[in-house]
Structure formats: structure tokens, C-alpha cells
């Protein structure tokens, strides 16, 4: 029998893995990308409420564009979406003059959002507007003939996907291969 021992240097990596069980897979305090789809060429929500293209292969995004990572901070019965600069992004609404919806940022106060869904998720916020309560959702619009991809707020939810940041540290991986042994009991000392 021959024993071969091979040591391989492993580089540190960070990438983003698809959260396959939706809201149940959220780890409060960790970083996530909020993305329009789960495979191929898609768009991640940016901290300014814009859309930045990402490429997904095998449920993984290798490189996240700057300004697309959000920390999901547990906030009572929901979460707040904190960007890399400490600002909070949230969907808002107003019933004044027929109503309007918008994505807003605030540096001082986190706004509670609800994240729900079992694979894809919706992100919503209940807003008191005058004497009414209205639900505002983060919504995604695919690129069209005359416009690019965009995120906004609306009364209609969009199916979105969460990608969790995964960091692996550098190190040495050892692989041991034993060959030339027959079936049955084998002892290695």
C-alpha cells in the first residue's frame, strides 16, 4: 500500500451564498445582498436604492459590487437594513395627494421592516399615513427598452433573494490518499 500526503495552500475567500430557506435563514447581525433573482445575471439592491449587476453561478456570487451589502439588524419583530456607511434603507409611503411610494435612507433612526418568505422573500414596512395604514414593499423592475433595472418602493411586493456573506480563512489543507489496498479490514499505523 502507498500513502500519499499532499498539502495545499488555501486562499482566503469571501463570497455570497444563496439563502435557500428565505427569512428563516437570516442570521441577525450578518451581512446580506438583496438580489432580484437566484441564478444567472441579476441585480443587487444598492445602499442608494439603485441596482447593480451581479453574476450568480451555483447559488454563489463571487464579487459583490461596492455599496450592495446590508447588515440585517434584529429590531423587535423585524429587521433594519443598515448599509456599509451606517445608514438605514427602508420603503416609505405617503397618502398625501393620491399617494406615493419611495425608498428612503436615514442616518439616525432605523426603520423596522418585515422580511417574509420561505425561499424568495418580500421586504415590507407598515406606514401610518394620516388616518390610514399602508404597506410599502421594496420592489424590483427589470431593465426594459428605455430604462435600466431599478429598485423602488410600491404597493406590490417583488420576489427577492438573500445572499449571505461567507468568509473562509487562509490556511493549509492536507489531503491523504491511500492506494494499493484490497477490500476488507485495513489498518494504518
N, C-alpha and C. Protein backbone atom coordinates (compact mmCIF):
# COMPACT_ATOMS: atom_id res chain seq x y z
N UNK A 1 0.85 -1.18 0.00
CA UNK A 1 0.00 0.00 0.00
C UNK A 1 0.89 1.24 0.00
N UNK A 2 0.41 2.26 -0.66
CA UNK A 2 1.14 3.52 -0.66
C UNK A 2 0.26 4.60 -0.04
N UNK A 3 0.91 5.48 0.66
CA UNK A 3 0.22 6.60 1.29
C UNK A 3 0.83 7.88 0.72
N UNK A 4 -0.02 8.72 0.19
CA UNK A 4 0.45 9.99 -0.37
C UNK A 4 -0.17 11.13 0.45
N UNK A 5 0.67 12.03 0.93
CA UNK A 5 0.20 13.17 1.70
C UNK A 5 0.51 14.43 0.89
N UNK A 6 -0.51 15.21 0.64
CA UNK A 6 -0.34 16.42 -0.16
C UNK A 6 -0.92 17.61 0.62
N UNK A 7 -0.11 18.63 0.76
CA UNK A 7 -0.57 19.84 1.43
C UNK A 7 -0.81 20.92 0.38
N UNK A 8 -1.96 21.58 0.50
CA UNK A 8 -2.34 22.63 -0.45
C UNK A 8 -2.60 23.92 0.31
N UNK A 9 -2.08 25.00 -0.22
CA UNK A 9 -2.35 26.30 0.38
C UNK A 9 -3.75 26.75 -0.04
N UNK A 10 -4.56 27.16 0.92
CA UNK A 10 -5.93 27.61 0.66
C UNK A 10 -5.97 29.13 0.86
N UNK A 11 -6.41 29.83 -0.18
CA UNK A 11 -6.51 31.29 -0.12
C UNK A 11 -7.78 31.71 0.62
N UNK A 12 -7.69 32.84 1.31
CA UNK A 12 -8.88 33.39 1.96
C UNK A 12 -9.87 33.83 0.88
N UNK A 13 -11.14 33.62 1.13
CA UNK A 13 -12.18 34.00 0.17
C UNK A 13 -13.35 34.61 0.89
N UNK A 14 -14.02 35.54 0.24
CA UNK A 14 -15.36 35.86 0.67
C UNK A 14 -16.22 35.88 -0.55
N UNK A 15 -17.35 35.23 -0.38
CA UNK A 15 -18.35 35.22 -1.44
C UNK A 15 -19.72 35.25 -0.77
N UNK A 16 -20.72 35.17 -1.58
CA UNK A 16 -22.09 35.32 -1.11
C UNK A 16 -22.89 34.10 -1.53
N UNK A 17 -23.50 33.42 -0.56
CA UNK A 17 -24.24 32.18 -0.81
C UNK A 17 -25.74 32.44 -0.72
N UNK A 18 -26.49 31.86 -1.65
CA UNK A 18 -27.94 31.96 -1.66
C UNK A 18 -28.52 31.39 -0.37
N UNK A 19 -29.42 32.14 0.25
CA UNK A 19 -30.16 31.65 1.42
C UNK A 19 -31.38 30.90 0.86
N UNK A 20 -31.35 29.58 0.96
CA UNK A 20 -32.38 28.77 0.30
C UNK A 20 -33.67 28.66 1.10
N UNK A 21 -33.64 29.02 2.38
CA UNK A 21 -34.87 28.91 3.18
C UNK A 21 -35.43 30.28 3.57
N UNK A 22 -35.15 31.29 2.75
CA UNK A 22 -35.78 32.60 2.92
C UNK A 22 -35.54 33.23 4.26
N UNK A 23 -36.59 33.82 4.82
CA UNK A 23 -36.49 34.57 6.07
C UNK A 23 -36.01 33.71 7.23
N UNK A 24 -36.32 32.41 7.21
CA UNK A 24 -35.89 31.52 8.30
C UNK A 24 -34.38 31.37 8.34
N UNK A 25 -33.68 31.67 7.24
CA UNK A 25 -32.23 31.51 7.18
C UNK A 25 -31.45 32.75 7.58
N UNK A 26 -32.13 33.80 8.02
CA UNK A 26 -31.45 35.04 8.40
C UNK A 26 -30.73 34.87 9.73
N UNK A 27 -29.46 35.28 9.75
CA UNK A 27 -28.68 35.35 10.98
C UNK A 27 -28.56 36.83 11.31
N UNK A 28 -29.28 37.30 12.35
CA UNK A 28 -29.24 38.73 12.68
C UNK A 28 -27.81 39.21 12.91
N UNK A 29 -27.50 40.39 12.37
CA UNK A 29 -26.18 40.98 12.52
C UNK A 29 -25.21 40.63 11.41
N UNK A 30 -25.56 39.67 10.55
CA UNK A 30 -24.70 39.29 9.44
C UNK A 30 -25.02 40.13 8.20
N UNK A 31 -24.10 40.06 7.23
CA UNK A 31 -24.28 40.84 6.00
C UNK A 31 -24.94 40.01 4.91
N UNK A 32 -25.78 40.72 4.12
CA UNK A 32 -26.53 40.10 3.03
C UNK A 32 -26.57 41.01 1.82
N UNK A 33 -26.74 40.39 0.66
CA UNK A 33 -27.11 41.09 -0.55
C UNK A 33 -28.58 40.81 -0.77
N UNK A 34 -29.31 41.80 -1.28
CA UNK A 34 -30.72 41.65 -1.64
C UNK A 34 -30.74 41.70 -3.16
N UNK A 35 -31.16 40.58 -3.79
CA UNK A 35 -30.96 40.38 -5.22
C UNK A 35 -32.28 40.03 -5.91
N UNK A 36 -32.38 40.40 -7.18
CA UNK A 36 -33.61 40.23 -7.97
C UNK A 36 -33.90 38.80 -8.39
N UNK A 37 -32.92 37.92 -8.36
CA UNK A 37 -33.12 36.54 -8.78
C UNK A 37 -32.10 35.63 -8.12
N UNK A 38 -32.18 34.33 -8.40
CA UNK A 38 -31.30 33.38 -7.73
C UNK A 38 -30.27 32.71 -8.64
N UNK A 39 -30.28 33.04 -9.95
CA UNK A 39 -29.29 32.45 -10.86
C UNK A 39 -29.05 33.37 -12.05
N UNK A 40 -27.90 33.18 -12.69
CA UNK A 40 -27.58 33.96 -13.89
C UNK A 40 -27.24 35.41 -13.58
N UNK A 41 -27.53 36.27 -14.53
CA UNK A 41 -27.26 37.70 -14.38
C UNK A 41 -28.46 38.37 -13.71
N UNK A 42 -28.22 38.98 -12.56
CA UNK A 42 -29.28 39.61 -11.78
C UNK A 42 -28.82 40.97 -11.28
N UNK A 43 -29.64 41.60 -10.44
CA UNK A 43 -29.31 42.93 -9.92
C UNK A 43 -29.47 42.97 -8.41
N UNK A 44 -28.44 43.51 -7.74
CA UNK A 44 -28.44 43.66 -6.29
C UNK A 44 -28.89 45.08 -5.95
N UNK A 45 -29.65 45.20 -4.87
CA UNK A 45 -30.07 46.49 -4.34
C UNK A 45 -28.84 47.21 -3.79
N UNK A 46 -28.70 48.50 -4.11
CA UNK A 46 -27.59 49.29 -3.58
C UNK A 46 -28.06 50.13 -2.40
N UNK A 47 -27.10 50.65 -1.66
CA UNK A 47 -27.42 51.44 -0.48
C UNK A 47 -28.12 52.76 -0.84
N UNK A 48 -28.04 53.16 -2.09
CA UNK A 48 -28.72 54.38 -2.54
C UNK A 48 -30.09 54.07 -3.16
N UNK A 49 -30.48 52.79 -3.11
CA UNK A 49 -31.76 52.39 -3.69
C UNK A 49 -31.66 52.07 -5.17
N UNK A 50 -30.45 51.97 -5.70
CA UNK A 50 -30.25 51.65 -7.11
C UNK A 50 -30.08 50.15 -7.32
N UNK A 51 -29.66 49.79 -8.53
CA UNK A 51 -29.46 48.39 -8.89
C UNK A 51 -28.08 48.22 -9.50
N UNK A 52 -27.35 47.20 -9.04
CA UNK A 52 -26.01 46.92 -9.54
C UNK A 52 -25.96 45.46 -9.98
N UNK A 53 -25.47 45.22 -11.19
CA UNK A 53 -25.49 43.88 -11.77
C UNK A 53 -24.53 42.93 -11.06
N UNK A 54 -25.01 41.70 -10.82
CA UNK A 54 -24.19 40.63 -10.23
C UNK A 54 -24.37 39.37 -11.08
N UNK A 55 -23.40 38.48 -10.98
CA UNK A 55 -23.46 37.21 -11.70
C UNK A 55 -23.53 36.08 -10.68
N UNK A 56 -24.50 35.19 -10.85
CA UNK A 56 -24.73 34.10 -9.90
C UNK A 56 -24.47 32.77 -10.60
N UNK A 57 -23.62 31.95 -9.99
CA UNK A 57 -23.33 30.63 -10.53
C UNK A 57 -23.38 29.63 -9.38
N UNK A 58 -24.23 28.62 -9.52
CA UNK A 58 -24.34 27.60 -8.48
C UNK A 58 -24.77 28.15 -7.13
N UNK A 59 -25.59 29.19 -7.12
CA UNK A 59 -26.06 29.78 -5.88
C UNK A 59 -25.04 30.67 -5.19
N UNK A 60 -23.98 31.07 -5.92
CA UNK A 60 -22.90 31.87 -5.34
C UNK A 60 -22.65 33.12 -6.16
N UNK A 61 -22.43 34.23 -5.46
CA UNK A 61 -21.95 35.48 -6.08
C UNK A 61 -20.52 35.65 -5.58
N UNK A 62 -19.57 35.64 -6.51
CA UNK A 62 -18.15 35.72 -6.13
C UNK A 62 -17.75 37.13 -5.70
N UNK A 63 -18.19 38.13 -6.42
CA UNK A 63 -17.78 39.50 -6.13
C UNK A 63 -19.01 40.39 -6.03
N UNK A 64 -19.17 41.02 -4.88
CA UNK A 64 -20.30 41.94 -4.69
C UNK A 64 -19.84 43.35 -5.04
N UNK A 65 -20.61 44.05 -5.86
CA UNK A 65 -20.27 45.44 -6.16
C UNK A 65 -20.29 46.30 -4.89
N UNK A 66 -19.49 47.33 -4.87
CA UNK A 66 -19.45 48.24 -3.73
C UNK A 66 -20.84 48.81 -3.47
N UNK A 67 -21.17 48.97 -2.20
CA UNK A 67 -22.43 49.60 -1.83
C UNK A 67 -23.64 48.70 -1.92
N UNK A 68 -23.45 47.37 -1.96
CA UNK A 68 -24.60 46.47 -2.07
C UNK A 68 -24.81 45.60 -0.83
N UNK A 69 -23.92 45.66 0.15
CA UNK A 69 -24.04 44.82 1.34
C UNK A 69 -24.86 45.53 2.41
N UNK A 70 -25.79 44.78 3.01
CA UNK A 70 -26.61 45.28 4.10
C UNK A 70 -26.47 44.36 5.30
N UNK A 71 -26.34 44.94 6.48
CA UNK A 71 -26.38 44.17 7.71
C UNK A 71 -27.84 44.14 8.15
N UNK A 72 -28.36 42.93 8.40
CA UNK A 72 -29.74 42.80 8.85
C UNK A 72 -29.72 42.81 10.38
N UNK A 73 -30.12 43.94 10.93
CA UNK A 73 -30.09 44.14 12.37
C UNK A 73 -31.46 43.79 12.95
N UNK A 74 -31.47 42.86 13.92
CA UNK A 74 -32.73 42.49 14.57
C UNK A 74 -33.27 43.71 15.30
N UNK A 75 -34.55 43.98 15.08
CA UNK A 75 -35.17 45.18 15.63
C UNK A 75 -36.59 44.80 16.06
N UNK A 76 -36.72 44.29 17.29
CA UNK A 76 -38.04 43.85 17.74
C UNK A 76 -38.51 42.65 16.94
N UNK A 77 -39.67 42.78 16.30
CA UNK A 77 -40.23 41.68 15.50
C UNK A 77 -39.82 41.76 14.03
N UNK A 78 -38.85 42.58 13.71
CA UNK A 78 -38.42 42.70 12.33
C UNK A 78 -36.93 43.01 12.26
N UNK A 79 -36.55 43.65 11.18
CA UNK A 79 -35.15 43.96 10.93
C UNK A 79 -35.02 45.40 10.44
N UNK A 80 -33.81 45.91 10.56
CA UNK A 80 -33.50 47.14 9.86
C UNK A 80 -32.36 46.82 8.90
N UNK A 81 -32.34 47.51 7.76
CA UNK A 81 -31.34 47.28 6.70
C UNK A 81 -30.28 48.37 6.82
N UNK A 82 -29.13 48.03 7.39
CA UNK A 82 -28.05 49.02 7.58
C UNK A 82 -26.97 48.81 6.52
N UNK A 83 -26.64 49.87 5.80
CA UNK A 83 -25.61 49.75 4.76
C UNK A 83 -24.21 49.86 5.36
N UNK A 84 -23.19 49.80 4.50
CA UNK A 84 -21.80 49.81 4.95
C UNK A 84 -21.39 51.13 5.58
N UNK A 85 -22.17 52.19 5.36
CA UNK A 85 -21.86 53.51 5.92
C UNK A 85 -22.71 53.83 7.15
N UNK A 86 -23.46 52.86 7.65
CA UNK A 86 -24.27 53.06 8.84
C UNK A 86 -25.63 53.70 8.59
N UNK A 87 -26.00 53.86 7.32
CA UNK A 87 -27.33 54.41 7.01
C UNK A 87 -28.33 53.28 6.88
N UNK A 88 -29.59 53.62 7.09
CA UNK A 88 -30.66 52.64 7.03
C UNK A 88 -31.52 52.89 5.80
N UNK A 89 -31.83 51.81 5.08
CA UNK A 89 -32.68 51.89 3.89
C UNK A 89 -34.02 51.26 4.22
N UNK A 90 -35.11 51.86 3.75
CA UNK A 90 -36.43 51.33 4.02
C UNK A 90 -37.45 51.84 3.00
N UNK A 91 -38.51 51.06 2.75
CA UNK A 91 -39.58 51.53 1.87
C UNK A 91 -40.50 52.46 2.66
N UNK A 92 -40.94 53.52 2.02
CA UNK A 92 -41.80 54.50 2.67
C UNK A 92 -43.03 54.75 1.79
N UNK A 93 -44.02 55.41 2.35
CA UNK A 93 -45.24 55.72 1.59
C UNK A 93 -45.91 56.94 2.18
N UNK A 94 -46.66 57.60 1.34
CA UNK A 94 -47.47 58.74 1.77
C UNK A 94 -48.79 58.69 1.04
N UNK A 95 -49.88 59.00 1.71
CA UNK A 95 -51.20 59.04 1.09
C UNK A 95 -51.54 60.47 0.66
N UNK A 96 -50.67 61.41 0.89
CA UNK A 96 -50.93 62.80 0.56
C UNK A 96 -51.06 62.97 -0.96
N UNK A 97 -52.09 63.64 -1.40
CA UNK A 97 -52.34 63.91 -2.83
C UNK A 97 -52.31 62.63 -3.69
N UNK A 98 -53.04 61.62 -3.28
CA UNK A 98 -53.16 60.41 -4.09
C UNK A 98 -52.18 59.33 -3.74
N UNK A 99 -51.17 59.63 -2.97
CA UNK A 99 -50.23 58.61 -2.51
C UNK A 99 -48.99 58.48 -3.36
N UNK A 100 -47.91 58.15 -2.69
CA UNK A 100 -46.65 57.91 -3.39
C UNK A 100 -45.81 56.95 -2.54
N UNK A 101 -44.91 56.27 -3.20
CA UNK A 101 -44.02 55.31 -2.55
C UNK A 101 -42.58 55.69 -2.89
N UNK A 102 -41.67 55.43 -1.95
CA UNK A 102 -40.26 55.74 -2.21
C UNK A 102 -39.36 54.91 -1.30
N UNK A 103 -38.13 54.70 -1.77
CA UNK A 103 -37.10 54.11 -0.92
C UNK A 103 -36.37 55.26 -0.26
N UNK A 104 -36.18 55.18 1.04
CA UNK A 104 -35.56 56.27 1.78
C UNK A 104 -34.34 55.76 2.55
N UNK A 105 -33.43 56.67 2.85
CA UNK A 105 -32.31 56.36 3.74
C UNK A 105 -32.34 57.34 4.90
N UNK A 106 -31.84 56.86 6.04
CA UNK A 106 -31.81 57.68 7.23
C UNK A 106 -30.56 57.30 8.01
N UNK A 107 -29.77 58.29 8.38
CA UNK A 107 -28.55 58.01 9.13
C UNK A 107 -28.78 57.86 10.62
N UNK A 108 -29.89 58.36 11.12
CA UNK A 108 -30.08 58.44 12.56
C UNK A 108 -31.00 57.38 13.15
N UNK A 109 -32.01 56.99 12.42
CA UNK A 109 -33.00 56.10 13.01
C UNK A 109 -33.30 54.92 12.09
N UNK A 110 -33.19 53.72 12.66
CA UNK A 110 -33.54 52.51 11.91
C UNK A 110 -35.05 52.41 11.80
N UNK A 111 -35.53 52.02 10.65
CA UNK A 111 -36.96 51.80 10.45
C UNK A 111 -37.19 50.30 10.33
N UNK A 112 -38.17 49.81 11.05
CA UNK A 112 -38.49 48.39 11.08
C UNK A 112 -39.06 47.93 9.75
N UNK A 113 -38.49 46.85 9.19
CA UNK A 113 -39.06 46.21 8.01
C UNK A 113 -39.35 44.75 8.36
N UNK A 114 -40.28 44.18 7.64
CA UNK A 114 -40.63 42.77 7.80
C UNK A 114 -40.09 42.02 6.60
N UNK A 115 -39.36 40.95 6.85
CA UNK A 115 -38.85 40.09 5.78
C UNK A 115 -39.56 38.76 5.91
N UNK A 116 -40.28 38.36 4.87
CA UNK A 116 -41.03 37.11 4.95
C UNK A 116 -40.86 36.31 3.66
N UNK A 117 -41.08 35.02 3.77
CA UNK A 117 -40.96 34.13 2.61
C UNK A 117 -40.12 32.92 2.96
N UNK A 118 -40.36 31.81 2.24
CA UNK A 118 -39.67 30.57 2.56
C UNK A 118 -38.54 30.22 1.59
N UNK A 119 -38.45 30.87 0.45
CA UNK A 119 -37.27 30.73 -0.43
C UNK A 119 -36.94 32.13 -0.96
N UNK A 120 -37.82 32.68 -1.80
CA UNK A 120 -37.67 34.11 -2.10
C UNK A 120 -38.32 34.87 -0.95
N UNK A 121 -38.01 36.14 -0.83
CA UNK A 121 -38.55 36.94 0.28
C UNK A 121 -39.21 38.21 -0.25
N UNK A 122 -40.07 38.77 0.57
CA UNK A 122 -40.58 40.12 0.35
C UNK A 122 -40.12 40.96 1.53
N UNK A 123 -39.87 42.23 1.26
CA UNK A 123 -39.44 43.15 2.31
C UNK A 123 -40.45 44.28 2.34
N UNK A 124 -41.09 44.45 3.50
CA UNK A 124 -42.18 45.42 3.59
C UNK A 124 -42.07 46.25 4.87
N UNK A 125 -42.82 47.33 4.87
CA UNK A 125 -42.91 48.19 6.06
C UNK A 125 -44.32 48.75 6.13
N UNK A 126 -44.94 48.65 7.30
CA UNK A 126 -46.24 49.26 7.52
C UNK A 126 -46.04 50.71 7.89
N UNK A 127 -46.70 51.60 7.15
CA UNK A 127 -46.52 53.04 7.31
C UNK A 127 -47.85 53.66 7.71
N UNK A 128 -47.84 54.42 8.79
CA UNK A 128 -49.02 55.20 9.17
C UNK A 128 -49.01 56.47 8.34
N UNK A 129 -50.04 56.66 7.56
CA UNK A 129 -50.12 57.83 6.68
C UNK A 129 -51.46 58.51 6.91
N UNK A 130 -51.43 59.58 7.70
CA UNK A 130 -52.68 60.24 8.04
C UNK A 130 -53.51 59.31 8.90
N UNK A 131 -54.73 59.06 8.52
CA UNK A 131 -55.60 58.16 9.27
C UNK A 131 -55.55 56.74 8.73
N UNK A 132 -54.75 56.50 7.68
CA UNK A 132 -54.64 55.17 7.08
C UNK A 132 -53.31 54.52 7.41
N UNK A 133 -53.30 53.21 7.32
CA UNK A 133 -52.06 52.45 7.37
C UNK A 133 -51.88 51.82 6.00
N UNK A 134 -50.68 51.90 5.47
CA UNK A 134 -50.42 51.35 4.15
C UNK A 134 -49.13 50.52 4.24
N UNK A 135 -49.06 49.44 3.45
CA UNK A 135 -47.85 48.62 3.40
C UNK A 135 -47.05 49.01 2.17
N UNK A 136 -45.80 49.32 2.40
CA UNK A 136 -44.88 49.69 1.32
C UNK A 136 -43.84 48.57 1.19
N UNK A 137 -43.63 48.09 -0.04
CA UNK A 137 -42.71 46.99 -0.32
C UNK A 137 -41.50 47.50 -1.10
N UNK A 138 -40.35 46.86 -0.87
CA UNK A 138 -39.23 47.08 -1.79
C UNK A 138 -39.56 46.30 -3.05
N UNK A 139 -39.54 47.00 -4.19
CA UNK A 139 -39.91 46.35 -5.45
C UNK A 139 -38.78 46.49 -6.46
N UNK A 140 -38.74 45.54 -7.36
CA UNK A 140 -37.71 45.50 -8.41
C UNK A 140 -38.39 45.57 -9.77
N UNK A 141 -37.81 46.37 -10.66
CA UNK A 141 -38.27 46.44 -12.06
C UNK A 141 -37.11 46.03 -12.96
N UNK A 142 -37.36 45.04 -13.80
CA UNK A 142 -36.33 44.56 -14.72
C UNK A 142 -36.02 45.62 -15.78
N UNK A 143 -34.83 45.56 -16.35
CA UNK A 143 -34.50 46.54 -17.40
C UNK A 143 -35.43 46.39 -18.60
N UNK A 144 -35.78 47.50 -19.20
CA UNK A 144 -36.65 47.50 -20.37
C UNK A 144 -35.98 48.18 -21.54
N UNK A 145 -36.75 48.45 -22.57
CA UNK A 145 -36.21 49.10 -23.77
C UNK A 145 -35.65 50.48 -23.46
N UNK A 146 -36.32 51.20 -22.59
CA UNK A 146 -35.94 52.60 -22.36
C UNK A 146 -35.48 52.88 -20.93
N UNK A 147 -35.33 51.84 -20.12
CA UNK A 147 -34.90 52.07 -18.74
C UNK A 147 -34.04 50.91 -18.27
N UNK A 148 -33.20 51.19 -17.29
CA UNK A 148 -32.37 50.16 -16.70
C UNK A 148 -33.11 49.47 -15.56
N UNK A 149 -32.46 48.49 -14.97
CA UNK A 149 -33.02 47.81 -13.81
C UNK A 149 -33.11 48.81 -12.67
N UNK A 150 -34.16 48.70 -11.87
CA UNK A 150 -34.24 49.62 -10.74
C UNK A 150 -35.02 49.02 -9.57
N UNK A 151 -34.66 49.50 -8.40
CA UNK A 151 -35.39 49.18 -7.18
C UNK A 151 -36.12 50.43 -6.74
N UNK A 152 -37.29 50.24 -6.15
CA UNK A 152 -38.08 51.35 -5.64
C UNK A 152 -39.00 50.78 -4.56
N UNK A 153 -39.94 51.58 -4.13
CA UNK A 153 -40.97 51.09 -3.21
C UNK A 153 -42.30 51.15 -3.93
N UNK A 154 -43.20 50.24 -3.59
CA UNK A 154 -44.52 50.24 -4.22
C UNK A 154 -45.51 49.49 -3.34
N UNK A 155 -46.74 49.44 -3.80
CA UNK A 155 -47.77 48.68 -3.07
C UNK A 155 -47.75 47.21 -3.46
N UNK A 156 -46.95 46.85 -4.45
CA UNK A 156 -46.86 45.47 -4.93
C UNK A 156 -45.52 44.85 -4.53
N UNK A 157 -45.55 43.69 -3.89
CA UNK A 157 -44.28 43.06 -3.50
C UNK A 157 -43.56 42.44 -4.69
N UNK A 158 -42.24 42.36 -4.57
CA UNK A 158 -41.40 41.64 -5.54
C UNK A 158 -40.76 40.47 -4.82
N UNK A 159 -40.61 39.37 -5.55
CA UNK A 159 -39.87 38.22 -5.01
C UNK A 159 -38.39 38.54 -5.09
N UNK A 160 -37.72 38.64 -3.95
CA UNK A 160 -36.30 38.97 -3.88
C UNK A 160 -35.56 37.80 -3.23
N UNK A 161 -34.25 37.78 -3.38
CA UNK A 161 -33.45 36.70 -2.83
C UNK A 161 -32.34 37.26 -1.97
N UNK A 162 -32.07 36.58 -0.85
CA UNK A 162 -31.00 36.97 0.05
C UNK A 162 -29.77 36.12 -0.22
N UNK A 163 -28.61 36.76 -0.22
CA UNK A 163 -27.33 36.08 -0.33
C UNK A 163 -26.50 36.45 0.89
N UNK A 164 -26.09 35.45 1.65
CA UNK A 164 -25.37 35.62 2.91
C UNK A 164 -23.87 35.66 2.66
N UNK A 165 -23.18 36.58 3.32
CA UNK A 165 -21.72 36.67 3.17
C UNK A 165 -21.06 35.50 3.89
N UNK A 166 -20.17 34.80 3.17
CA UNK A 166 -19.43 33.66 3.71
C UNK A 166 -17.95 33.98 3.57
N UNK A 167 -17.23 33.90 4.67
CA UNK A 167 -15.79 34.19 4.67
C UNK A 167 -15.06 32.92 5.08
N UNK A 168 -14.10 32.50 4.25
CA UNK A 168 -13.24 31.38 4.60
C UNK A 168 -11.84 31.92 4.81
N UNK A 169 -11.16 31.45 5.83
CA UNK A 169 -9.83 31.96 6.12
C UNK A 169 -8.76 31.17 5.38
N UNK A 170 -7.62 31.81 5.20
CA UNK A 170 -6.49 31.17 4.53
C UNK A 170 -5.90 30.11 5.46
N UNK A 171 -5.24 29.13 4.87
CA UNK A 171 -4.62 28.09 5.68
C UNK A 171 -4.01 27.03 4.80
N UNK A 172 -3.77 25.88 5.39
CA UNK A 172 -3.20 24.75 4.66
C UNK A 172 -4.18 23.59 4.80
N UNK A 173 -4.51 22.98 3.66
CA UNK A 173 -5.40 21.84 3.62
C UNK A 173 -4.54 20.61 3.34
N UNK A 174 -4.75 19.56 4.12
CA UNK A 174 -3.97 18.33 3.94
C UNK A 174 -4.87 17.24 3.35
N UNK A 175 -4.39 16.63 2.26
CA UNK A 175 -5.13 15.56 1.61
C UNK A 175 -4.30 14.29 1.71
N UNK A 176 -4.89 13.22 2.23
CA UNK A 176 -4.20 11.93 2.37
C UNK A 176 -4.87 10.92 1.45
N UNK A 177 -4.07 10.28 0.58
CA UNK A 177 -4.58 9.28 -0.35
C UNK A 177 -3.90 7.95 -0.05
N UNK A 178 -4.70 6.92 0.15
CA UNK A 178 -4.15 5.58 0.39
C UNK A 178 -4.55 4.73 -0.81
N UNK A 179 -3.56 4.12 -1.47
CA UNK A 179 -3.86 3.29 -2.63
C UNK A 179 -3.17 1.95 -2.51
N UNK A 180 -3.61 0.99 -3.29
CA UNK A 180 -2.99 -0.34 -3.31
C UNK A 180 -3.44 -1.23 -2.16
N UNK A 181 -4.65 -0.98 -1.65
CA UNK A 181 -5.15 -1.85 -0.57
C UNK A 181 -6.34 -2.63 -1.13
N UNK A 182 -6.53 -3.83 -0.60
CA UNK A 182 -7.65 -4.64 -1.06
C UNK A 182 -8.84 -4.47 -0.11
N UNK A 183 -9.96 -4.98 -0.57
CA UNK A 183 -11.19 -4.89 0.20
C UNK A 183 -11.07 -5.67 1.49
N UNK A 184 -11.64 -5.18 2.53
CA UNK A 184 -11.58 -5.85 3.83
C UNK A 184 -11.03 -4.90 4.86
N UNK A 185 -10.53 -5.48 5.95
CA UNK A 185 -10.01 -4.62 7.02
C UNK A 185 -8.60 -4.18 6.67
N UNK A 186 -8.35 -2.88 6.82
CA UNK A 186 -7.04 -2.32 6.59
C UNK A 186 -6.67 -1.49 7.80
N UNK A 187 -5.48 -1.65 8.29
CA UNK A 187 -5.01 -0.88 9.44
C UNK A 187 -3.87 0.01 9.00
N UNK A 188 -3.94 1.27 9.40
CA UNK A 188 -2.86 2.21 9.11
C UNK A 188 -2.29 2.64 10.45
N UNK A 189 -0.97 2.49 10.60
CA UNK A 189 -0.35 2.92 11.87
C UNK A 189 0.69 3.97 11.62
